[in-house]
Amino acid sequence: MTTHRLEGQHIAGRGRLVDYSNLVKLPHTVFAMPFALVGATLASYRYAVSGWDVLLILAAFTCARFAAMGFNRIADRAIDAKNPRTAMREIPAGKLSVREATAAVLIASALFFVCAALLNPLCLYLAPFALAIILAYSFTKRFTRYAHLVLGFSLAIAPVGAYLAVAGEWSRPPSALLVLAAAVLCWVAGFDILYSLQDMEFDRGEKLHSIPAALGARGALAFSRGLHLLSAASFVALGFILPELGAGWFIGAGVIALMLAYEQSLVRSDDFSKIDAAFFNINGAISVLFFAIVLTERLLA
């Protein structure tokens, strides 16, 4: 008889609120939401930001993430049911039906469009493209090992979208938002590869695609470390691209580099026991600490 254990960062208890929170891994919001606020903070150097803007940005991010995660659980329900690590997720475990999850995704998507419309015309115009990208990610592991990069791109939309929500236009110089997006993309893709090491053998057995399944543990670790090196370099580069950024930005970039190095040290090709700590604890701390440093510098400017 196979014993299934709950995944990490699982909210204990029962009830619809708990089930829907676990469906979309609500604690994982800590990864990208602070970087969305970093985007808004960068825009605030040149554009006025109201409390209403911040509330709409947070609401839009939450709704988009809910829609993406909920859709992923619907699309992957058969795969999740076969994997001992994910078999206790809400849909395969029978805690939520496909119909209930689908209704929640549709509501979250509609609210995302409402938030985008209330922010500015550019956000509303780009909203369908953003939603299409983050929903399409769910299918990528069926045909490409680079699904991790698509996930990274999906989360990189958050700081760029928050900047556009405040500014209503692309950054000047144009490279600023591209470098910010590259930094977040490489950060997310790098830690997602580490997390995917847990499913390396399962993915191979089910003919699913991932960097670990394709390259093995050693190759995947090298790929992940390369991405994290690029991420750290991109954060540093952005400090030189935007003249308004000062010492605080570079301190924050240094903190990110040190914490990424520590994260990588927790995972070895023959020892995956600390992946959960590397995935959630370190990455959550990276995003929160970096935003706190960037916000502090902005408030003191």
C-alpha atoms as a PDB file:
ATOM      1  CA  MET A   1       0.000   0.000   0.000  1.00  0.00           C
ATOM      2  CA  THR A   2       1.432   3.404  -1.036  1.00  0.00           C
ATOM      3  CA  THR A   3       1.491   6.107   1.625  1.00  0.00           C
ATOM      4  CA  HIS A   4       1.091   9.654   0.357  1.00  0.00           C
ATOM      5  CA  ARG A   5       2.399  12.595   2.337  1.00  0.00           C
ATOM      6  CA  LEU A   6       1.333  16.212   2.044  1.00  0.00           C
ATOM      7  CA  GLU A   7       3.556  18.590   0.112  1.00  0.00           C
ATOM      8  CA  GLY A   8       5.448  21.292   1.920  1.00  0.00           C
ATOM      9  CA  GLN A   9       3.797  24.660   2.625  1.00  0.00           C
ATOM     10  CA  HIS A  10       0.431  22.970   2.998  1.00  0.00           C
ATOM     11  CA  ILE A  11      -2.138  24.852   5.089  1.00  0.00           C
ATOM     12  CA  ALA A  12      -3.555  22.503   7.705  1.00  0.00           C
ATOM     13  CA  GLY A  13      -7.271  22.048   8.253  1.00  0.00           C
ATOM     14  CA  ARG A  14     -10.363  21.654   6.115  1.00  0.00           C
ATOM     15  CA  GLY A  15     -13.048  23.891   4.714  1.00  0.00           C
ATOM     16  CA  ARG A  16     -13.486  25.537   1.355  1.00  0.00           C
ATOM     17  CA  LEU A  17     -11.193  28.469   2.131  1.00  0.00           C
ATOM     18  CA  VAL A  18      -8.360  26.120   3.120  1.00  0.00           C
ATOM     19  CA  ASP A  19      -8.954  23.856   0.120  1.00  0.00           C
ATOM     20  CA  TYR A  20      -8.877  26.725  -2.378  1.00  0.00           C
ATOM     21  CA  SER A  21      -5.794  28.192  -0.669  1.00  0.00           C
ATOM     22  CA  ASN A  22      -3.981  24.869  -0.948  1.00  0.00           C
ATOM     23  CA  LEU A  23      -5.179  24.413  -4.536  1.00  0.00           C
ATOM     24  CA  VAL A  24      -3.122  27.444  -5.572  1.00  0.00           C
ATOM     25  CA  LYS A  25      -0.350  27.067  -2.957  1.00  0.00           C
ATOM     26  CA  LEU A  26      -1.189  30.401  -1.356  1.00  0.00           C
ATOM     27  CA  PRO A  27       2.051  30.554   0.709  1.00  0.00           C
ATOM     28  CA  HIS A  28       4.034  30.599  -2.551  1.00  0.00           C
ATOM     29  CA  THR A  29       2.638  34.082  -3.231  1.00  0.00           C
ATOM     30  CA  VAL A  30       5.612  35.318  -1.221  1.00  0.00           C
ATOM     31  CA  PHE A  31       7.894  34.478  -4.179  1.00  0.00           C
ATOM     32  CA  ALA A  32       6.672  36.906  -6.815  1.00  0.00           C
ATOM     33  CA  MET A  33       4.429  39.439  -5.082  1.00  0.00           C
ATOM     34  CA  PRO A  34       7.352  41.347  -3.490  1.00  0.00           C
ATOM     35  CA  PHE A  35       8.953  41.598  -6.931  1.00  0.00           C
ATOM     36  CA  ALA A  36       5.715  43.024  -8.312  1.00  0.00           C
ATOM     37  CA  LEU A  37       6.014  45.684  -5.631  1.00  0.00           C
ATOM     38  CA  VAL A  38       9.655  46.214  -6.642  1.00  0.00           C
ATOM     39  CA  GLY A  39       8.401  47.070 -10.130  1.00  0.00           C
ATOM     40  CA  ALA A  40       5.946  49.591  -8.713  1.00  0.00           C
ATOM     41  CA  THR A  41       8.659  51.046  -6.495  1.00  0.00           C
ATOM     42  CA  LEU A  42      10.992  51.552  -9.460  1.00  0.00           C
ATOM     43  CA  ALA A  43       8.215  53.331 -11.357  1.00  0.00           C
ATOM     44  CA  SER A  44       7.592  55.616  -8.372  1.00  0.00           C
ATOM     45  CA  TYR A  45      10.906  57.410  -8.981  1.00  0.00           C
ATOM     46  CA  ARG A  46       9.375  59.013 -12.071  1.00  0.00           C
ATOM     47  CA  TYR A  47       5.607  58.601 -11.710  1.00  0.00           C
ATOM     48  CA  ALA A  48       3.098  59.255  -8.944  1.00  0.00           C
ATOM     49  CA  VAL A  49       1.804  56.167  -7.118  1.00  0.00           C
ATOM     50  CA  SER A  50      -1.444  56.163  -5.172  1.00  0.00           C
ATOM     51  CA  GLY A  51      -2.676  53.736  -2.564  1.00  0.00           C
ATOM     52  CA  TRP A  52      -5.399  52.745  -5.024  1.00  0.00           C
ATOM     53  CA  ASP A  53      -2.734  51.805  -7.564  1.00  0.00           C
ATOM     54  CA  VAL A  54      -1.002  49.555  -5.036  1.00  0.00           C
ATOM     55  CA  LEU A  55      -4.254  47.851  -4.057  1.00  0.00           C
ATOM     56  CA  LEU A  56      -5.147  47.200  -7.694  1.00  0.00           C
ATOM     57  CA  ILE A  57      -1.656  45.856  -8.432  1.00  0.00           C
ATOM     58  CA  LEU A  58      -1.882  43.455  -5.487  1.00  0.00           C
ATOM     59  CA  ALA A  59      -5.388  42.384  -6.494  1.00  0.00           C
ATOM     60  CA  ALA A  60      -4.417  41.894 -10.147  1.00  0.00           C
ATOM     61  CA  PHE A  61      -1.367  39.852  -9.160  1.00  0.00           C
ATOM     62  CA  THR A  62      -3.355  37.687  -6.749  1.00  0.00           C
ATOM     63  CA  CYS A  63      -6.097  37.017  -9.299  1.00  0.00           C
ATOM     64  CA  ALA A  64      -3.656  36.216 -12.104  1.00  0.00           C
ATOM     65  CA  ARG A  65      -1.671  33.868  -9.897  1.00  0.00           C
ATOM     66  CA  PHE A  66      -4.849  32.150  -8.665  1.00  0.00           C
ATOM     67  CA  ALA A  67      -6.029  31.641 -12.240  1.00  0.00           C
ATOM     68  CA  ALA A  68      -2.648  30.272 -13.352  1.00  0.00           C
ATOM     69  CA  MET A  69      -2.197  27.884 -10.425  1.00  0.00           C
ATOM     70  CA  GLY A  70      -5.805  26.717 -10.504  1.00  0.00           C
ATOM     71  CA  PHE A  71      -5.602  26.073 -14.238  1.00  0.00           C
ATOM     72  CA  ASN A  72      -2.360  24.164 -13.719  1.00  0.00           C
ATOM     73  CA  ARG A  73      -4.025  21.892 -11.166  1.00  0.00           C
ATOM     74  CA  ILE A  74      -6.906  21.235 -13.560  1.00  0.00           C
ATOM     75  CA  ALA A  75      -4.623  20.517 -16.523  1.00  0.00           C
ATOM     76  CA  ASP A  76      -2.309  18.275 -14.473  1.00  0.00           C
ATOM     77  CA  ARG A  77      -4.900  16.421 -12.400  1.00  0.00           C
ATOM     78  CA  ALA A  78      -4.252  13.050 -14.072  1.00  0.00           C
ATOM     79  CA  ILE A  79      -0.487  13.453 -13.782  1.00  0.00           C
ATOM     80  CA  ASP A  80      -0.759  14.588 -10.151  1.00  0.00           C
ATOM     81  CA  ALA A  81      -2.852  11.531  -9.291  1.00  0.00           C
ATOM     82  CA  LYS A  82      -0.038   9.220 -10.473  1.00  0.00           C
ATOM     83  CA  ASN A  83       2.768  11.026  -8.646  1.00  0.00           C
ATOM     84  CA  PRO A  84       3.106  10.055  -4.946  1.00  0.00           C
ATOM     85  CA  ARG A  85       4.392  13.562  -4.176  1.00  0.00           C
ATOM     86  CA  THR A  86       1.305  15.272  -5.622  1.00  0.00           C
ATOM     87  CA  ALA A  87      -1.441  12.666  -5.239  1.00  0.00           C
ATOM     88  CA  MET A  88      -2.891  14.489  -2.220  1.00  0.00           C
ATOM     89  CA  ARG A  89      -3.436  17.722  -4.110  1.00  0.00           C
ATOM     90  CA  GLU A  90      -6.990  18.957  -3.867  1.00  0.00           C
ATOM     91  CA  ILE A  91      -8.401  17.678  -7.175  1.00  0.00           C
ATOM     92  CA  PRO A  92      -6.903  14.152  -7.261  1.00  0.00           C
ATOM     93  CA  ALA A  93      -7.650  13.778  -3.542  1.00  0.00           C
ATOM     94  CA  GLY A  94     -11.309  14.668  -4.142  1.00  0.00           C
ATOM     95  CA  LYS A  95     -11.327  17.764  -1.923  1.00  0.00           C
ATOM     96  CA  LEU A  96     -12.332  19.965  -4.862  1.00  0.00           C
ATOM     97  CA  SER A  97     -14.036  18.983  -8.089  1.00  0.00           C
ATOM     98  CA  VAL A  98     -12.893  20.017 -11.546  1.00  0.00           C
ATOM     99  CA  ARG A  99     -16.080  22.063 -11.866  1.00  0.00           C
ATOM    100  CA  GLU A 100     -15.355  23.950  -8.629  1.00  0.00           C
ATOM    101  CA  ALA A 101     -11.764  24.618  -9.640  1.00  0.00           C
ATOM    102  CA  THR A 102     -12.821  25.752 -13.120  1.00  0.00           C
ATOM    103  CA  ALA A 103     -15.383  28.178 -11.693  1.00  0.00           C
ATOM    104  CA  ALA A 104     -12.740  29.651  -9.392  1.00  0.00           C
ATOM    105  CA  VAL A 105     -10.296  30.075 -12.287  1.00  0.00           C
ATOM    106  CA  LEU A 106     -12.926  31.835 -14.406  1.00  0.00           C
ATOM    107  CA  ILE A 107     -13.838  34.205 -11.568  1.00  0.00           C
ATOM    108  CA  ALA A 108     -10.179  34.992 -10.857  1.00  0.00           C
ATOM    109  CA  SER A 109      -9.546  35.642 -14.556  1.00  0.00           C
ATOM    110  CA  ALA A 110     -12.521  37.995 -14.803  1.00  0.00           C
ATOM    111  CA  LEU A 111     -11.375  39.924 -11.733  1.00  0.00           C
ATOM    112  CA  PHE A 112      -7.888  40.184 -13.225  1.00  0.00           C
ATOM    113  CA  PHE A 113      -9.337  41.916 -16.282  1.00  0.00           C
ATOM    114  CA  VAL A 114     -11.363  44.249 -14.071  1.00  0.00           C
ATOM    115  CA  CYS A 115      -8.229  45.250 -12.159  1.00  0.00           C
ATOM    116  CA  ALA A 116      -6.306  45.793 -15.399  1.00  0.00           C
ATOM    117  CA  ALA A 117      -9.081  48.003 -16.767  1.00  0.00           C
ATOM    118  CA  LEU A 118      -9.113  50.100 -13.601  1.00  0.00           C
ATOM    119  CA  LEU A 119      -5.341  50.615 -13.753  1.00  0.00           C
ATOM    120  CA  ASN A 120      -4.843  52.021 -17.276  1.00  0.00           C
ATOM    121  CA  PRO A 121      -5.555  51.250 -20.960  1.00  0.00           C
ATOM    122  CA  LEU A 122      -2.114  49.713 -21.540  1.00  0.00           C
ATOM    123  CA  CYS A 123      -2.644  47.177 -18.764  1.00  0.00           C
ATOM    124  CA  LEU A 124      -6.050  46.242 -20.158  1.00  0.00           C
ATOM    125  CA  TYR A 125      -4.596  45.831 -23.655  1.00  0.00           C
ATOM    126  CA  LEU A 126      -1.807  43.575 -22.401  1.00  0.00           C
ATOM    127  CA  ALA A 127      -3.934  41.589 -19.930  1.00  0.00           C
ATOM    128  CA  PRO A 128      -5.121  38.903 -22.420  1.00  0.00           C
ATOM    129  CA  PHE A 129      -1.541  38.235 -23.530  1.00  0.00           C
ATOM    130  CA  ALA A 130      -0.292  38.011 -19.939  1.00  0.00           C
ATOM    131  CA  LEU A 131      -3.078  35.629 -18.950  1.00  0.00           C
ATOM    132  CA  ALA A 132      -2.554  33.469 -22.046  1.00  0.00           C
ATOM    133  CA  ILE A 133       1.149  33.083 -21.233  1.00  0.00           C
ATOM    134  CA  ILE A 134       0.684  32.126 -17.598  1.00  0.00           C
ATOM    135  CA  LEU A 135      -2.064  29.634 -18.442  1.00  0.00           C
ATOM    136  CA  ALA A 136      -0.147  28.111 -21.355  1.00  0.00           C
ATOM    137  CA  TYR A 137       2.747  27.237 -19.043  1.00  0.00           C
ATOM    138  CA  SER A 138       0.721  24.300 -17.714  1.00  0.00           C
ATOM    139  CA  PHE A 139       1.148  22.401 -20.991  1.00  0.00           C
ATOM    140  CA  THR A 140       4.834  23.069 -21.674  1.00  0.00           C
ATOM    141  CA  LYS A 141       6.290  20.108 -19.780  1.00  0.00           C
ATOM    142  CA  ARG A 142       4.470  17.860 -22.210  1.00  0.00           C
ATOM    143  CA  PHE A 143       6.717  18.912 -25.089  1.00  0.00           C
ATOM    144  CA  THR A 144       9.794  20.863 -23.920  1.00  0.00           C
ATOM    145  CA  ARG A 145      12.475  20.494 -21.248  1.00  0.00           C
ATOM    146  CA  TYR A 146      12.562  24.288 -20.985  1.00  0.00           C
ATOM    147  CA  ALA A 147       9.217  24.575 -19.212  1.00  0.00           C
ATOM    148  CA  HIS A 148      11.160  26.068 -16.277  1.00  0.00           C
ATOM    149  CA  LEU A 149      12.029  29.077 -18.420  1.00  0.00           C
ATOM    150  CA  VAL A 150       8.385  29.547 -19.372  1.00  0.00           C
ATOM    151  CA  LEU A 151       7.480  29.529 -15.680  1.00  0.00           C
ATOM    152  CA  GLY A 152      10.212  32.092 -15.083  1.00  0.00           C
ATOM    153  CA  PHE A 153       8.822  34.257 -17.877  1.00  0.00           C
ATOM    154  CA  SER A 154       5.351  33.953 -16.374  1.00  0.00           C
ATOM    155  CA  LEU A 155       6.525  35.292 -13.014  1.00  0.00           C
ATOM    156  CA  ALA A 156       8.724  37.922 -14.659  1.00  0.00           C
ATOM    157  CA  ILE A 157       5.515  39.479 -15.967  1.00  0.00           C
ATOM    158  CA  ALA A 158       4.694  40.557 -12.386  1.00  0.00           C
ATOM    159  CA  PRO A 159       7.311  43.315 -11.850  1.00  0.00           C
ATOM    160  CA  VAL A 160       6.998  44.490 -15.454  1.00  0.00           C
ATOM    161  CA  GLY A 161       3.214  44.636 -15.156  1.00  0.00           C
ATOM    162  CA  ALA A 162       3.411  46.537 -11.876  1.00  0.00           C
ATOM    163  CA  TYR A 163       5.761  49.088 -13.438  1.00  0.00           C
ATOM    164  CA  LEU A 164       3.385  49.541 -16.387  1.00  0.00           C
ATOM    165  CA  ALA A 165       0.433  49.814 -14.008  1.00  0.00           C
ATOM    166  CA  VAL A 166       2.040  52.869 -12.408  1.00  0.00           C
ATOM    167  CA  ALA A 167       3.740  54.401 -15.444  1.00  0.00           C
ATOM    168  CA  GLY A 168       1.254  53.583 -18.189  1.00  0.00           C
ATOM    169  CA  GLU A 169       4.205  53.293 -20.568  1.00  0.00           C
ATOM    170  CA  TRP A 170       7.408  51.306 -21.099  1.00  0.00           C
ATOM    171  CA  SER A 171      10.541  52.184 -19.171  1.00  0.00           C
ATOM    172  CA  ARG A 172      13.132  54.694 -20.279  1.00  0.00           C
ATOM    173  CA  PRO A 173      15.651  53.387 -21.190  1.00  0.00           C
ATOM    174  CA  PRO A 174      13.743  50.440 -22.690  1.00  0.00           C
ATOM    175  CA  SER A 175      16.377  47.973 -21.498  1.00  0.00           C
ATOM    176  CA  ALA A 176      15.495  48.570 -17.831  1.00  0.00           C
ATOM    177  CA  LEU A 177      12.338  46.461 -17.793  1.00  0.00           C
ATOM    178  CA  LEU A 178      13.919  43.830 -20.027  1.00  0.00           C
ATOM    179  CA  VAL A 179      16.830  43.394 -17.606  1.00  0.00           C
ATOM    180  CA  LEU A 180      14.469  43.310 -14.603  1.00  0.00           C
ATOM    181  CA  ALA A 181      12.396  40.638 -16.336  1.00  0.00           C
ATOM    182  CA  ALA A 182      15.536  38.643 -17.186  1.00  0.00           C
ATOM    183  CA  ALA A 183      16.665  38.766 -13.553  1.00  0.00           C
ATOM    184  CA  VAL A 184      13.358  37.412 -12.254  1.00  0.00           C
ATOM    185  CA  LEU A 185      13.054  34.863 -15.092  1.00  0.00           C
ATOM    186  CA  CYS A 186      16.476  33.362 -14.366  1.00  0.00           C
ATOM    187  CA  TRP A 187      15.863  33.386 -10.604  1.00  0.00           C
ATOM    188  CA  VAL A 188      12.546  31.545 -10.888  1.00  0.00           C
ATOM    189  CA  ALA A 189      13.679  29.081 -13.560  1.00  0.00           C
ATOM    190  CA  GLY A 190      16.776  28.283 -11.514  1.00  0.00           C
ATOM    191  CA  PHE A 191      14.900  27.382  -8.359  1.00  0.00           C
ATOM    192  CA  ASP A 192      12.178  25.554 -10.286  1.00  0.00           C
ATOM    193  CA  ILE A 193      14.842  23.252 -11.723  1.00  0.00           C
ATOM    194  CA  LEU A 194      15.990  22.475  -8.182  1.00  0.00           C
ATOM    195  CA  TYR A 195      12.420  21.715  -7.140  1.00  0.00           C
ATOM    196  CA  SER A 196      11.916  19.501 -10.193  1.00  0.00           C
ATOM    197  CA  LEU A 197      14.785  17.241  -9.138  1.00  0.00           C
ATOM    198  CA  GLN A 198      12.263  15.520  -6.854  1.00  0.00           C
ATOM    199  CA  ASP A 199      10.263  14.365  -9.880  1.00  0.00           C
ATOM    200  CA  MET A 200      13.166  13.455 -12.152  1.00  0.00           C
ATOM    201  CA  GLU A 201      12.468   9.700 -12.259  1.00  0.00           C
ATOM    202  CA  PHE A 202       8.708  10.166 -12.343  1.00  0.00           C
ATOM    203  CA  ASP A 203       8.995  12.572 -15.301  1.00  0.00           C
ATOM    204  CA  ARG A 204      11.134  10.092 -17.179  1.00  0.00           C
ATOM    205  CA  GLY A 205       8.675   7.291 -16.535  1.00  0.00           C
ATOM    206  CA  GLU A 206       5.722   9.401 -17.695  1.00  0.00           C
ATOM    207  CA  LYS A 207       7.649  10.874 -20.660  1.00  0.00           C
ATOM    208  CA  LEU A 208       7.307  14.380 -19.256  1.00  0.00           C
ATOM    209  CA  HIS A 209       9.959  16.962 -20.060  1.00  0.00           C
ATOM    210  CA  SER A 210      12.211  18.804 -17.623  1.00  0.00           C
ATOM    211  CA  ILE A 211      15.841  19.791 -17.295  1.00  0.00           C
ATOM    212  CA  PRO A 212      16.478  17.149 -14.594  1.00  0.00           C
ATOM    213  CA  ALA A 213      14.818  14.423 -16.685  1.00  0.00           C
ATOM    214  CA  ALA A 214      16.884  15.397 -19.711  1.00  0.00           C
ATOM    215  CA  LEU A 215      20.261  16.183 -18.125  1.00  0.00           C
ATOM    216  CA  GLY A 216      20.254  14.228 -14.879  1.00  0.00           C
ATOM    217  CA  ALA A 217      20.927  15.656 -11.434  1.00  0.00           C
ATOM    218  CA  ARG A 218      24.447  16.935 -12.135  1.00  0.00           C
ATOM    219  CA  GLY A 219      23.490  18.576 -15.411  1.00  0.00           C
ATOM    220  CA  ALA A 220      20.371  20.111 -13.884  1.00  0.00           C
ATOM    221  CA  LEU A 221      22.355  21.578 -10.991  1.00  0.00           C
ATOM    222  CA  ALA A 222      24.852  23.119 -13.405  1.00  0.00           C
ATOM    223  CA  PHE A 223      22.000  24.585 -15.476  1.00  0.00           C
ATOM    224  CA  SER A 224      20.309  25.963 -12.356  1.00  0.00           C
ATOM    225  CA  ARG A 225      23.536  27.519 -11.091  1.00  0.00           C
ATOM    226  CA  GLY A 226      24.145  29.149 -14.452  1.00  0.00           C
ATOM    227  CA  LEU A 227      20.681  30.704 -14.377  1.00  0.00           C
ATOM    228  CA  HIS A 228      21.167  31.993 -10.852  1.00  0.00           C
ATOM    229  CA  LEU A 229      24.490  33.528 -11.847  1.00  0.00           C
ATOM    230  CA  LEU A 230      22.747  35.317 -14.720  1.00  0.00           C
ATOM    231  CA  SER A 231      20.002  36.445 -12.347  1.00  0.00           C
ATOM    232  CA  ALA A 232      22.475  37.993  -9.896  1.00  0.00           C
ATOM    233  CA  ALA A 233      24.356  39.690 -12.746  1.00  0.00           C
ATOM    234  CA  SER A 234      21.095  41.105 -14.150  1.00  0.00           C
ATOM    235  CA  PHE A 235      20.107  42.630 -10.823  1.00  0.00           C
ATOM    236  CA  VAL A 236      23.518  44.303 -10.598  1.00  0.00           C
ATOM    237  CA  ALA A 237      23.273  45.517 -14.209  1.00  0.00           C
ATOM    238  CA  LEU A 238      19.904  47.177 -13.573  1.00  0.00           C
ATOM    239  CA  GLY A 239      21.554  49.338 -10.908  1.00  0.00           C
ATOM    240  CA  PHE A 240      23.773  50.817 -13.624  1.00  0.00           C
ATOM    241  CA  ILE A 241      20.956  51.203 -16.171  1.00  0.00           C
ATOM    242  CA  LEU A 242      18.654  53.282 -13.949  1.00  0.00           C
ATOM    243  CA  PRO A 243      20.558  56.319 -12.617  1.00  0.00           C
ATOM    244  CA  GLU A 244      18.056  56.937  -9.827  1.00  0.00           C
ATOM    245  CA  LEU A 245      19.075  53.724  -8.092  1.00  0.00           C
ATOM    246  CA  GLY A 246      21.706  54.082  -5.415  1.00  0.00           C
ATOM    247  CA  ALA A 247      23.741  52.043  -2.957  1.00  0.00           C
ATOM    248  CA  GLY A 248      20.635  50.338  -1.542  1.00  0.00           C
ATOM    249  CA  TRP A 249      19.934  48.616  -4.864  1.00  0.00           C
ATOM    250  CA  PHE A 250      23.439  47.196  -5.043  1.00  0.00           C
ATOM    251  CA  ILE A 251      23.227  46.062  -1.417  1.00  0.00           C
ATOM    252  CA  GLY A 252      20.011  44.267  -2.292  1.00  0.00           C
ATOM    253  CA  ALA A 253      21.598  42.702  -5.367  1.00  0.00           C
ATOM    254  CA  GLY A 254      24.482  41.510  -3.211  1.00  0.00           C
ATOM    255  CA  VAL A 255      22.058  39.967  -0.719  1.00  0.00           C
ATOM    256  CA  ILE A 256      20.351  38.118  -3.573  1.00  0.00           C
ATOM    257  CA  ALA A 257      23.680  36.792  -4.865  1.00  0.00           C
ATOM    258  CA  LEU A 258      24.724  35.508  -1.434  1.00  0.00           C
ATOM    259  CA  MET A 259      21.362  33.884  -0.763  1.00  0.00           C
ATOM    260  CA  LEU A 260      21.290  32.223  -4.175  1.00  0.00           C
ATOM    261  CA  ALA A 261      24.744  30.812  -3.501  1.00  0.00           C
ATOM    262  CA  TYR A 262      23.510  29.475  -0.157  1.00  0.00           C
ATOM    263  CA  GLU A 263      20.407  28.001  -1.816  1.00  0.00           C
ATOM    264  CA  GLN A 264      22.554  26.164  -4.321  1.00  0.00           C
ATOM    265  CA  SER A 265      24.774  24.819  -1.533  1.00  0.00           C
ATOM    266  CA  LEU A 266      21.758  23.089   0.052  1.00  0.00           C
ATOM    267  CA  VAL A 267      21.149  20.794  -2.912  1.00  0.00           C
ATOM    268  CA  ARG A 268      23.584  18.167  -4.158  1.00  0.00           C
ATOM    269  CA  SER A 269      23.263  15.667  -6.961  1.00  0.00           C
ATOM    270  CA  ASP A 270      23.119  12.838  -4.406  1.00  0.00           C
ATOM    271  CA  ASP A 271      21.100  14.587  -1.698  1.00  0.00           C
ATOM    272  CA  PHE A 272      17.676  16.168  -2.304  1.00  0.00           C
ATOM    273  CA  SER A 273      16.663  16.240   1.376  1.00  0.00           C
ATOM    274  CA  LYS A 274      16.939  20.029   1.678  1.00  0.00           C
ATOM    275  CA  ILE A 275      15.112  20.936  -1.514  1.00  0.00           C
ATOM    276  CA  ASP A 276      12.013  22.089   0.354  1.00  0.00           C
ATOM    277  CA  ALA A 277      14.051  24.501   2.479  1.00  0.00           C
ATOM    278  CA  ALA A 278      15.961  25.722  -0.569  1.00  0.00           C
ATOM    279  CA  PHE A 279      12.747  26.172  -2.558  1.00  0.00           C
ATOM    280  CA  PHE A 280      10.493  27.948  -0.088  1.00  0.00           C
ATOM    281  CA  ASN A 281      12.507  29.362   2.799  1.00  0.00           C
ATOM    282  CA  ILE A 282      15.400  30.834   0.854  1.00  0.00           C
ATOM    283  CA  ASN A 283      13.407  32.111  -2.114  1.00  0.00           C
ATOM    284  CA  GLY A 284      10.725  33.598   0.107  1.00  0.00           C
ATOM    285  CA  ALA A 285      13.412  35.386   2.100  1.00  0.00           C
ATOM    286  CA  ILE A 286      15.108  36.627  -1.082  1.00  0.00           C
ATOM    287  CA  SER A 287      11.995  38.323  -2.421  1.00  0.00           C
ATOM    288  CA  VAL A 288      10.892  39.852   0.893  1.00  0.00           C
ATOM    289  CA  LEU A 289      14.348  41.106   1.906  1.00  0.00           C
ATOM    290  CA  PHE A 290      15.068  42.546  -1.524  1.00  0.00           C
ATOM    291  CA  PHE A 291      11.780  44.434  -1.613  1.00  0.00           C
ATOM    292  CA  ALA A 292      12.372  45.746   1.909  1.00  0.00           C
ATOM    293  CA  ILE A 293      15.809  47.075   0.914  1.00  0.00           C
ATOM    294  CA  VAL A 294      14.531  48.656  -2.323  1.00  0.00           C
ATOM    295  CA  LEU A 295      11.550  50.246  -0.562  1.00  0.00           C
ATOM    296  CA  THR A 296      13.716  51.586   2.251  1.00  0.00           C
ATOM    297  CA  GLU A 297      16.058  53.250  -0.200  1.00  0.00           C
ATOM    298  CA  ARG A 298      13.099  54.756  -2.064  1.00  0.00           C
ATOM    299  CA  LEU A 299      11.562  56.157   1.125  1.00  0.00           C
ATOM    300  CA  LEU A 300      14.879  57.700   2.130  1.00  0.00           C
ATOM    301  CA  ALA A 301      15.526  59.203  -1.303  1.00  0.00           C
END
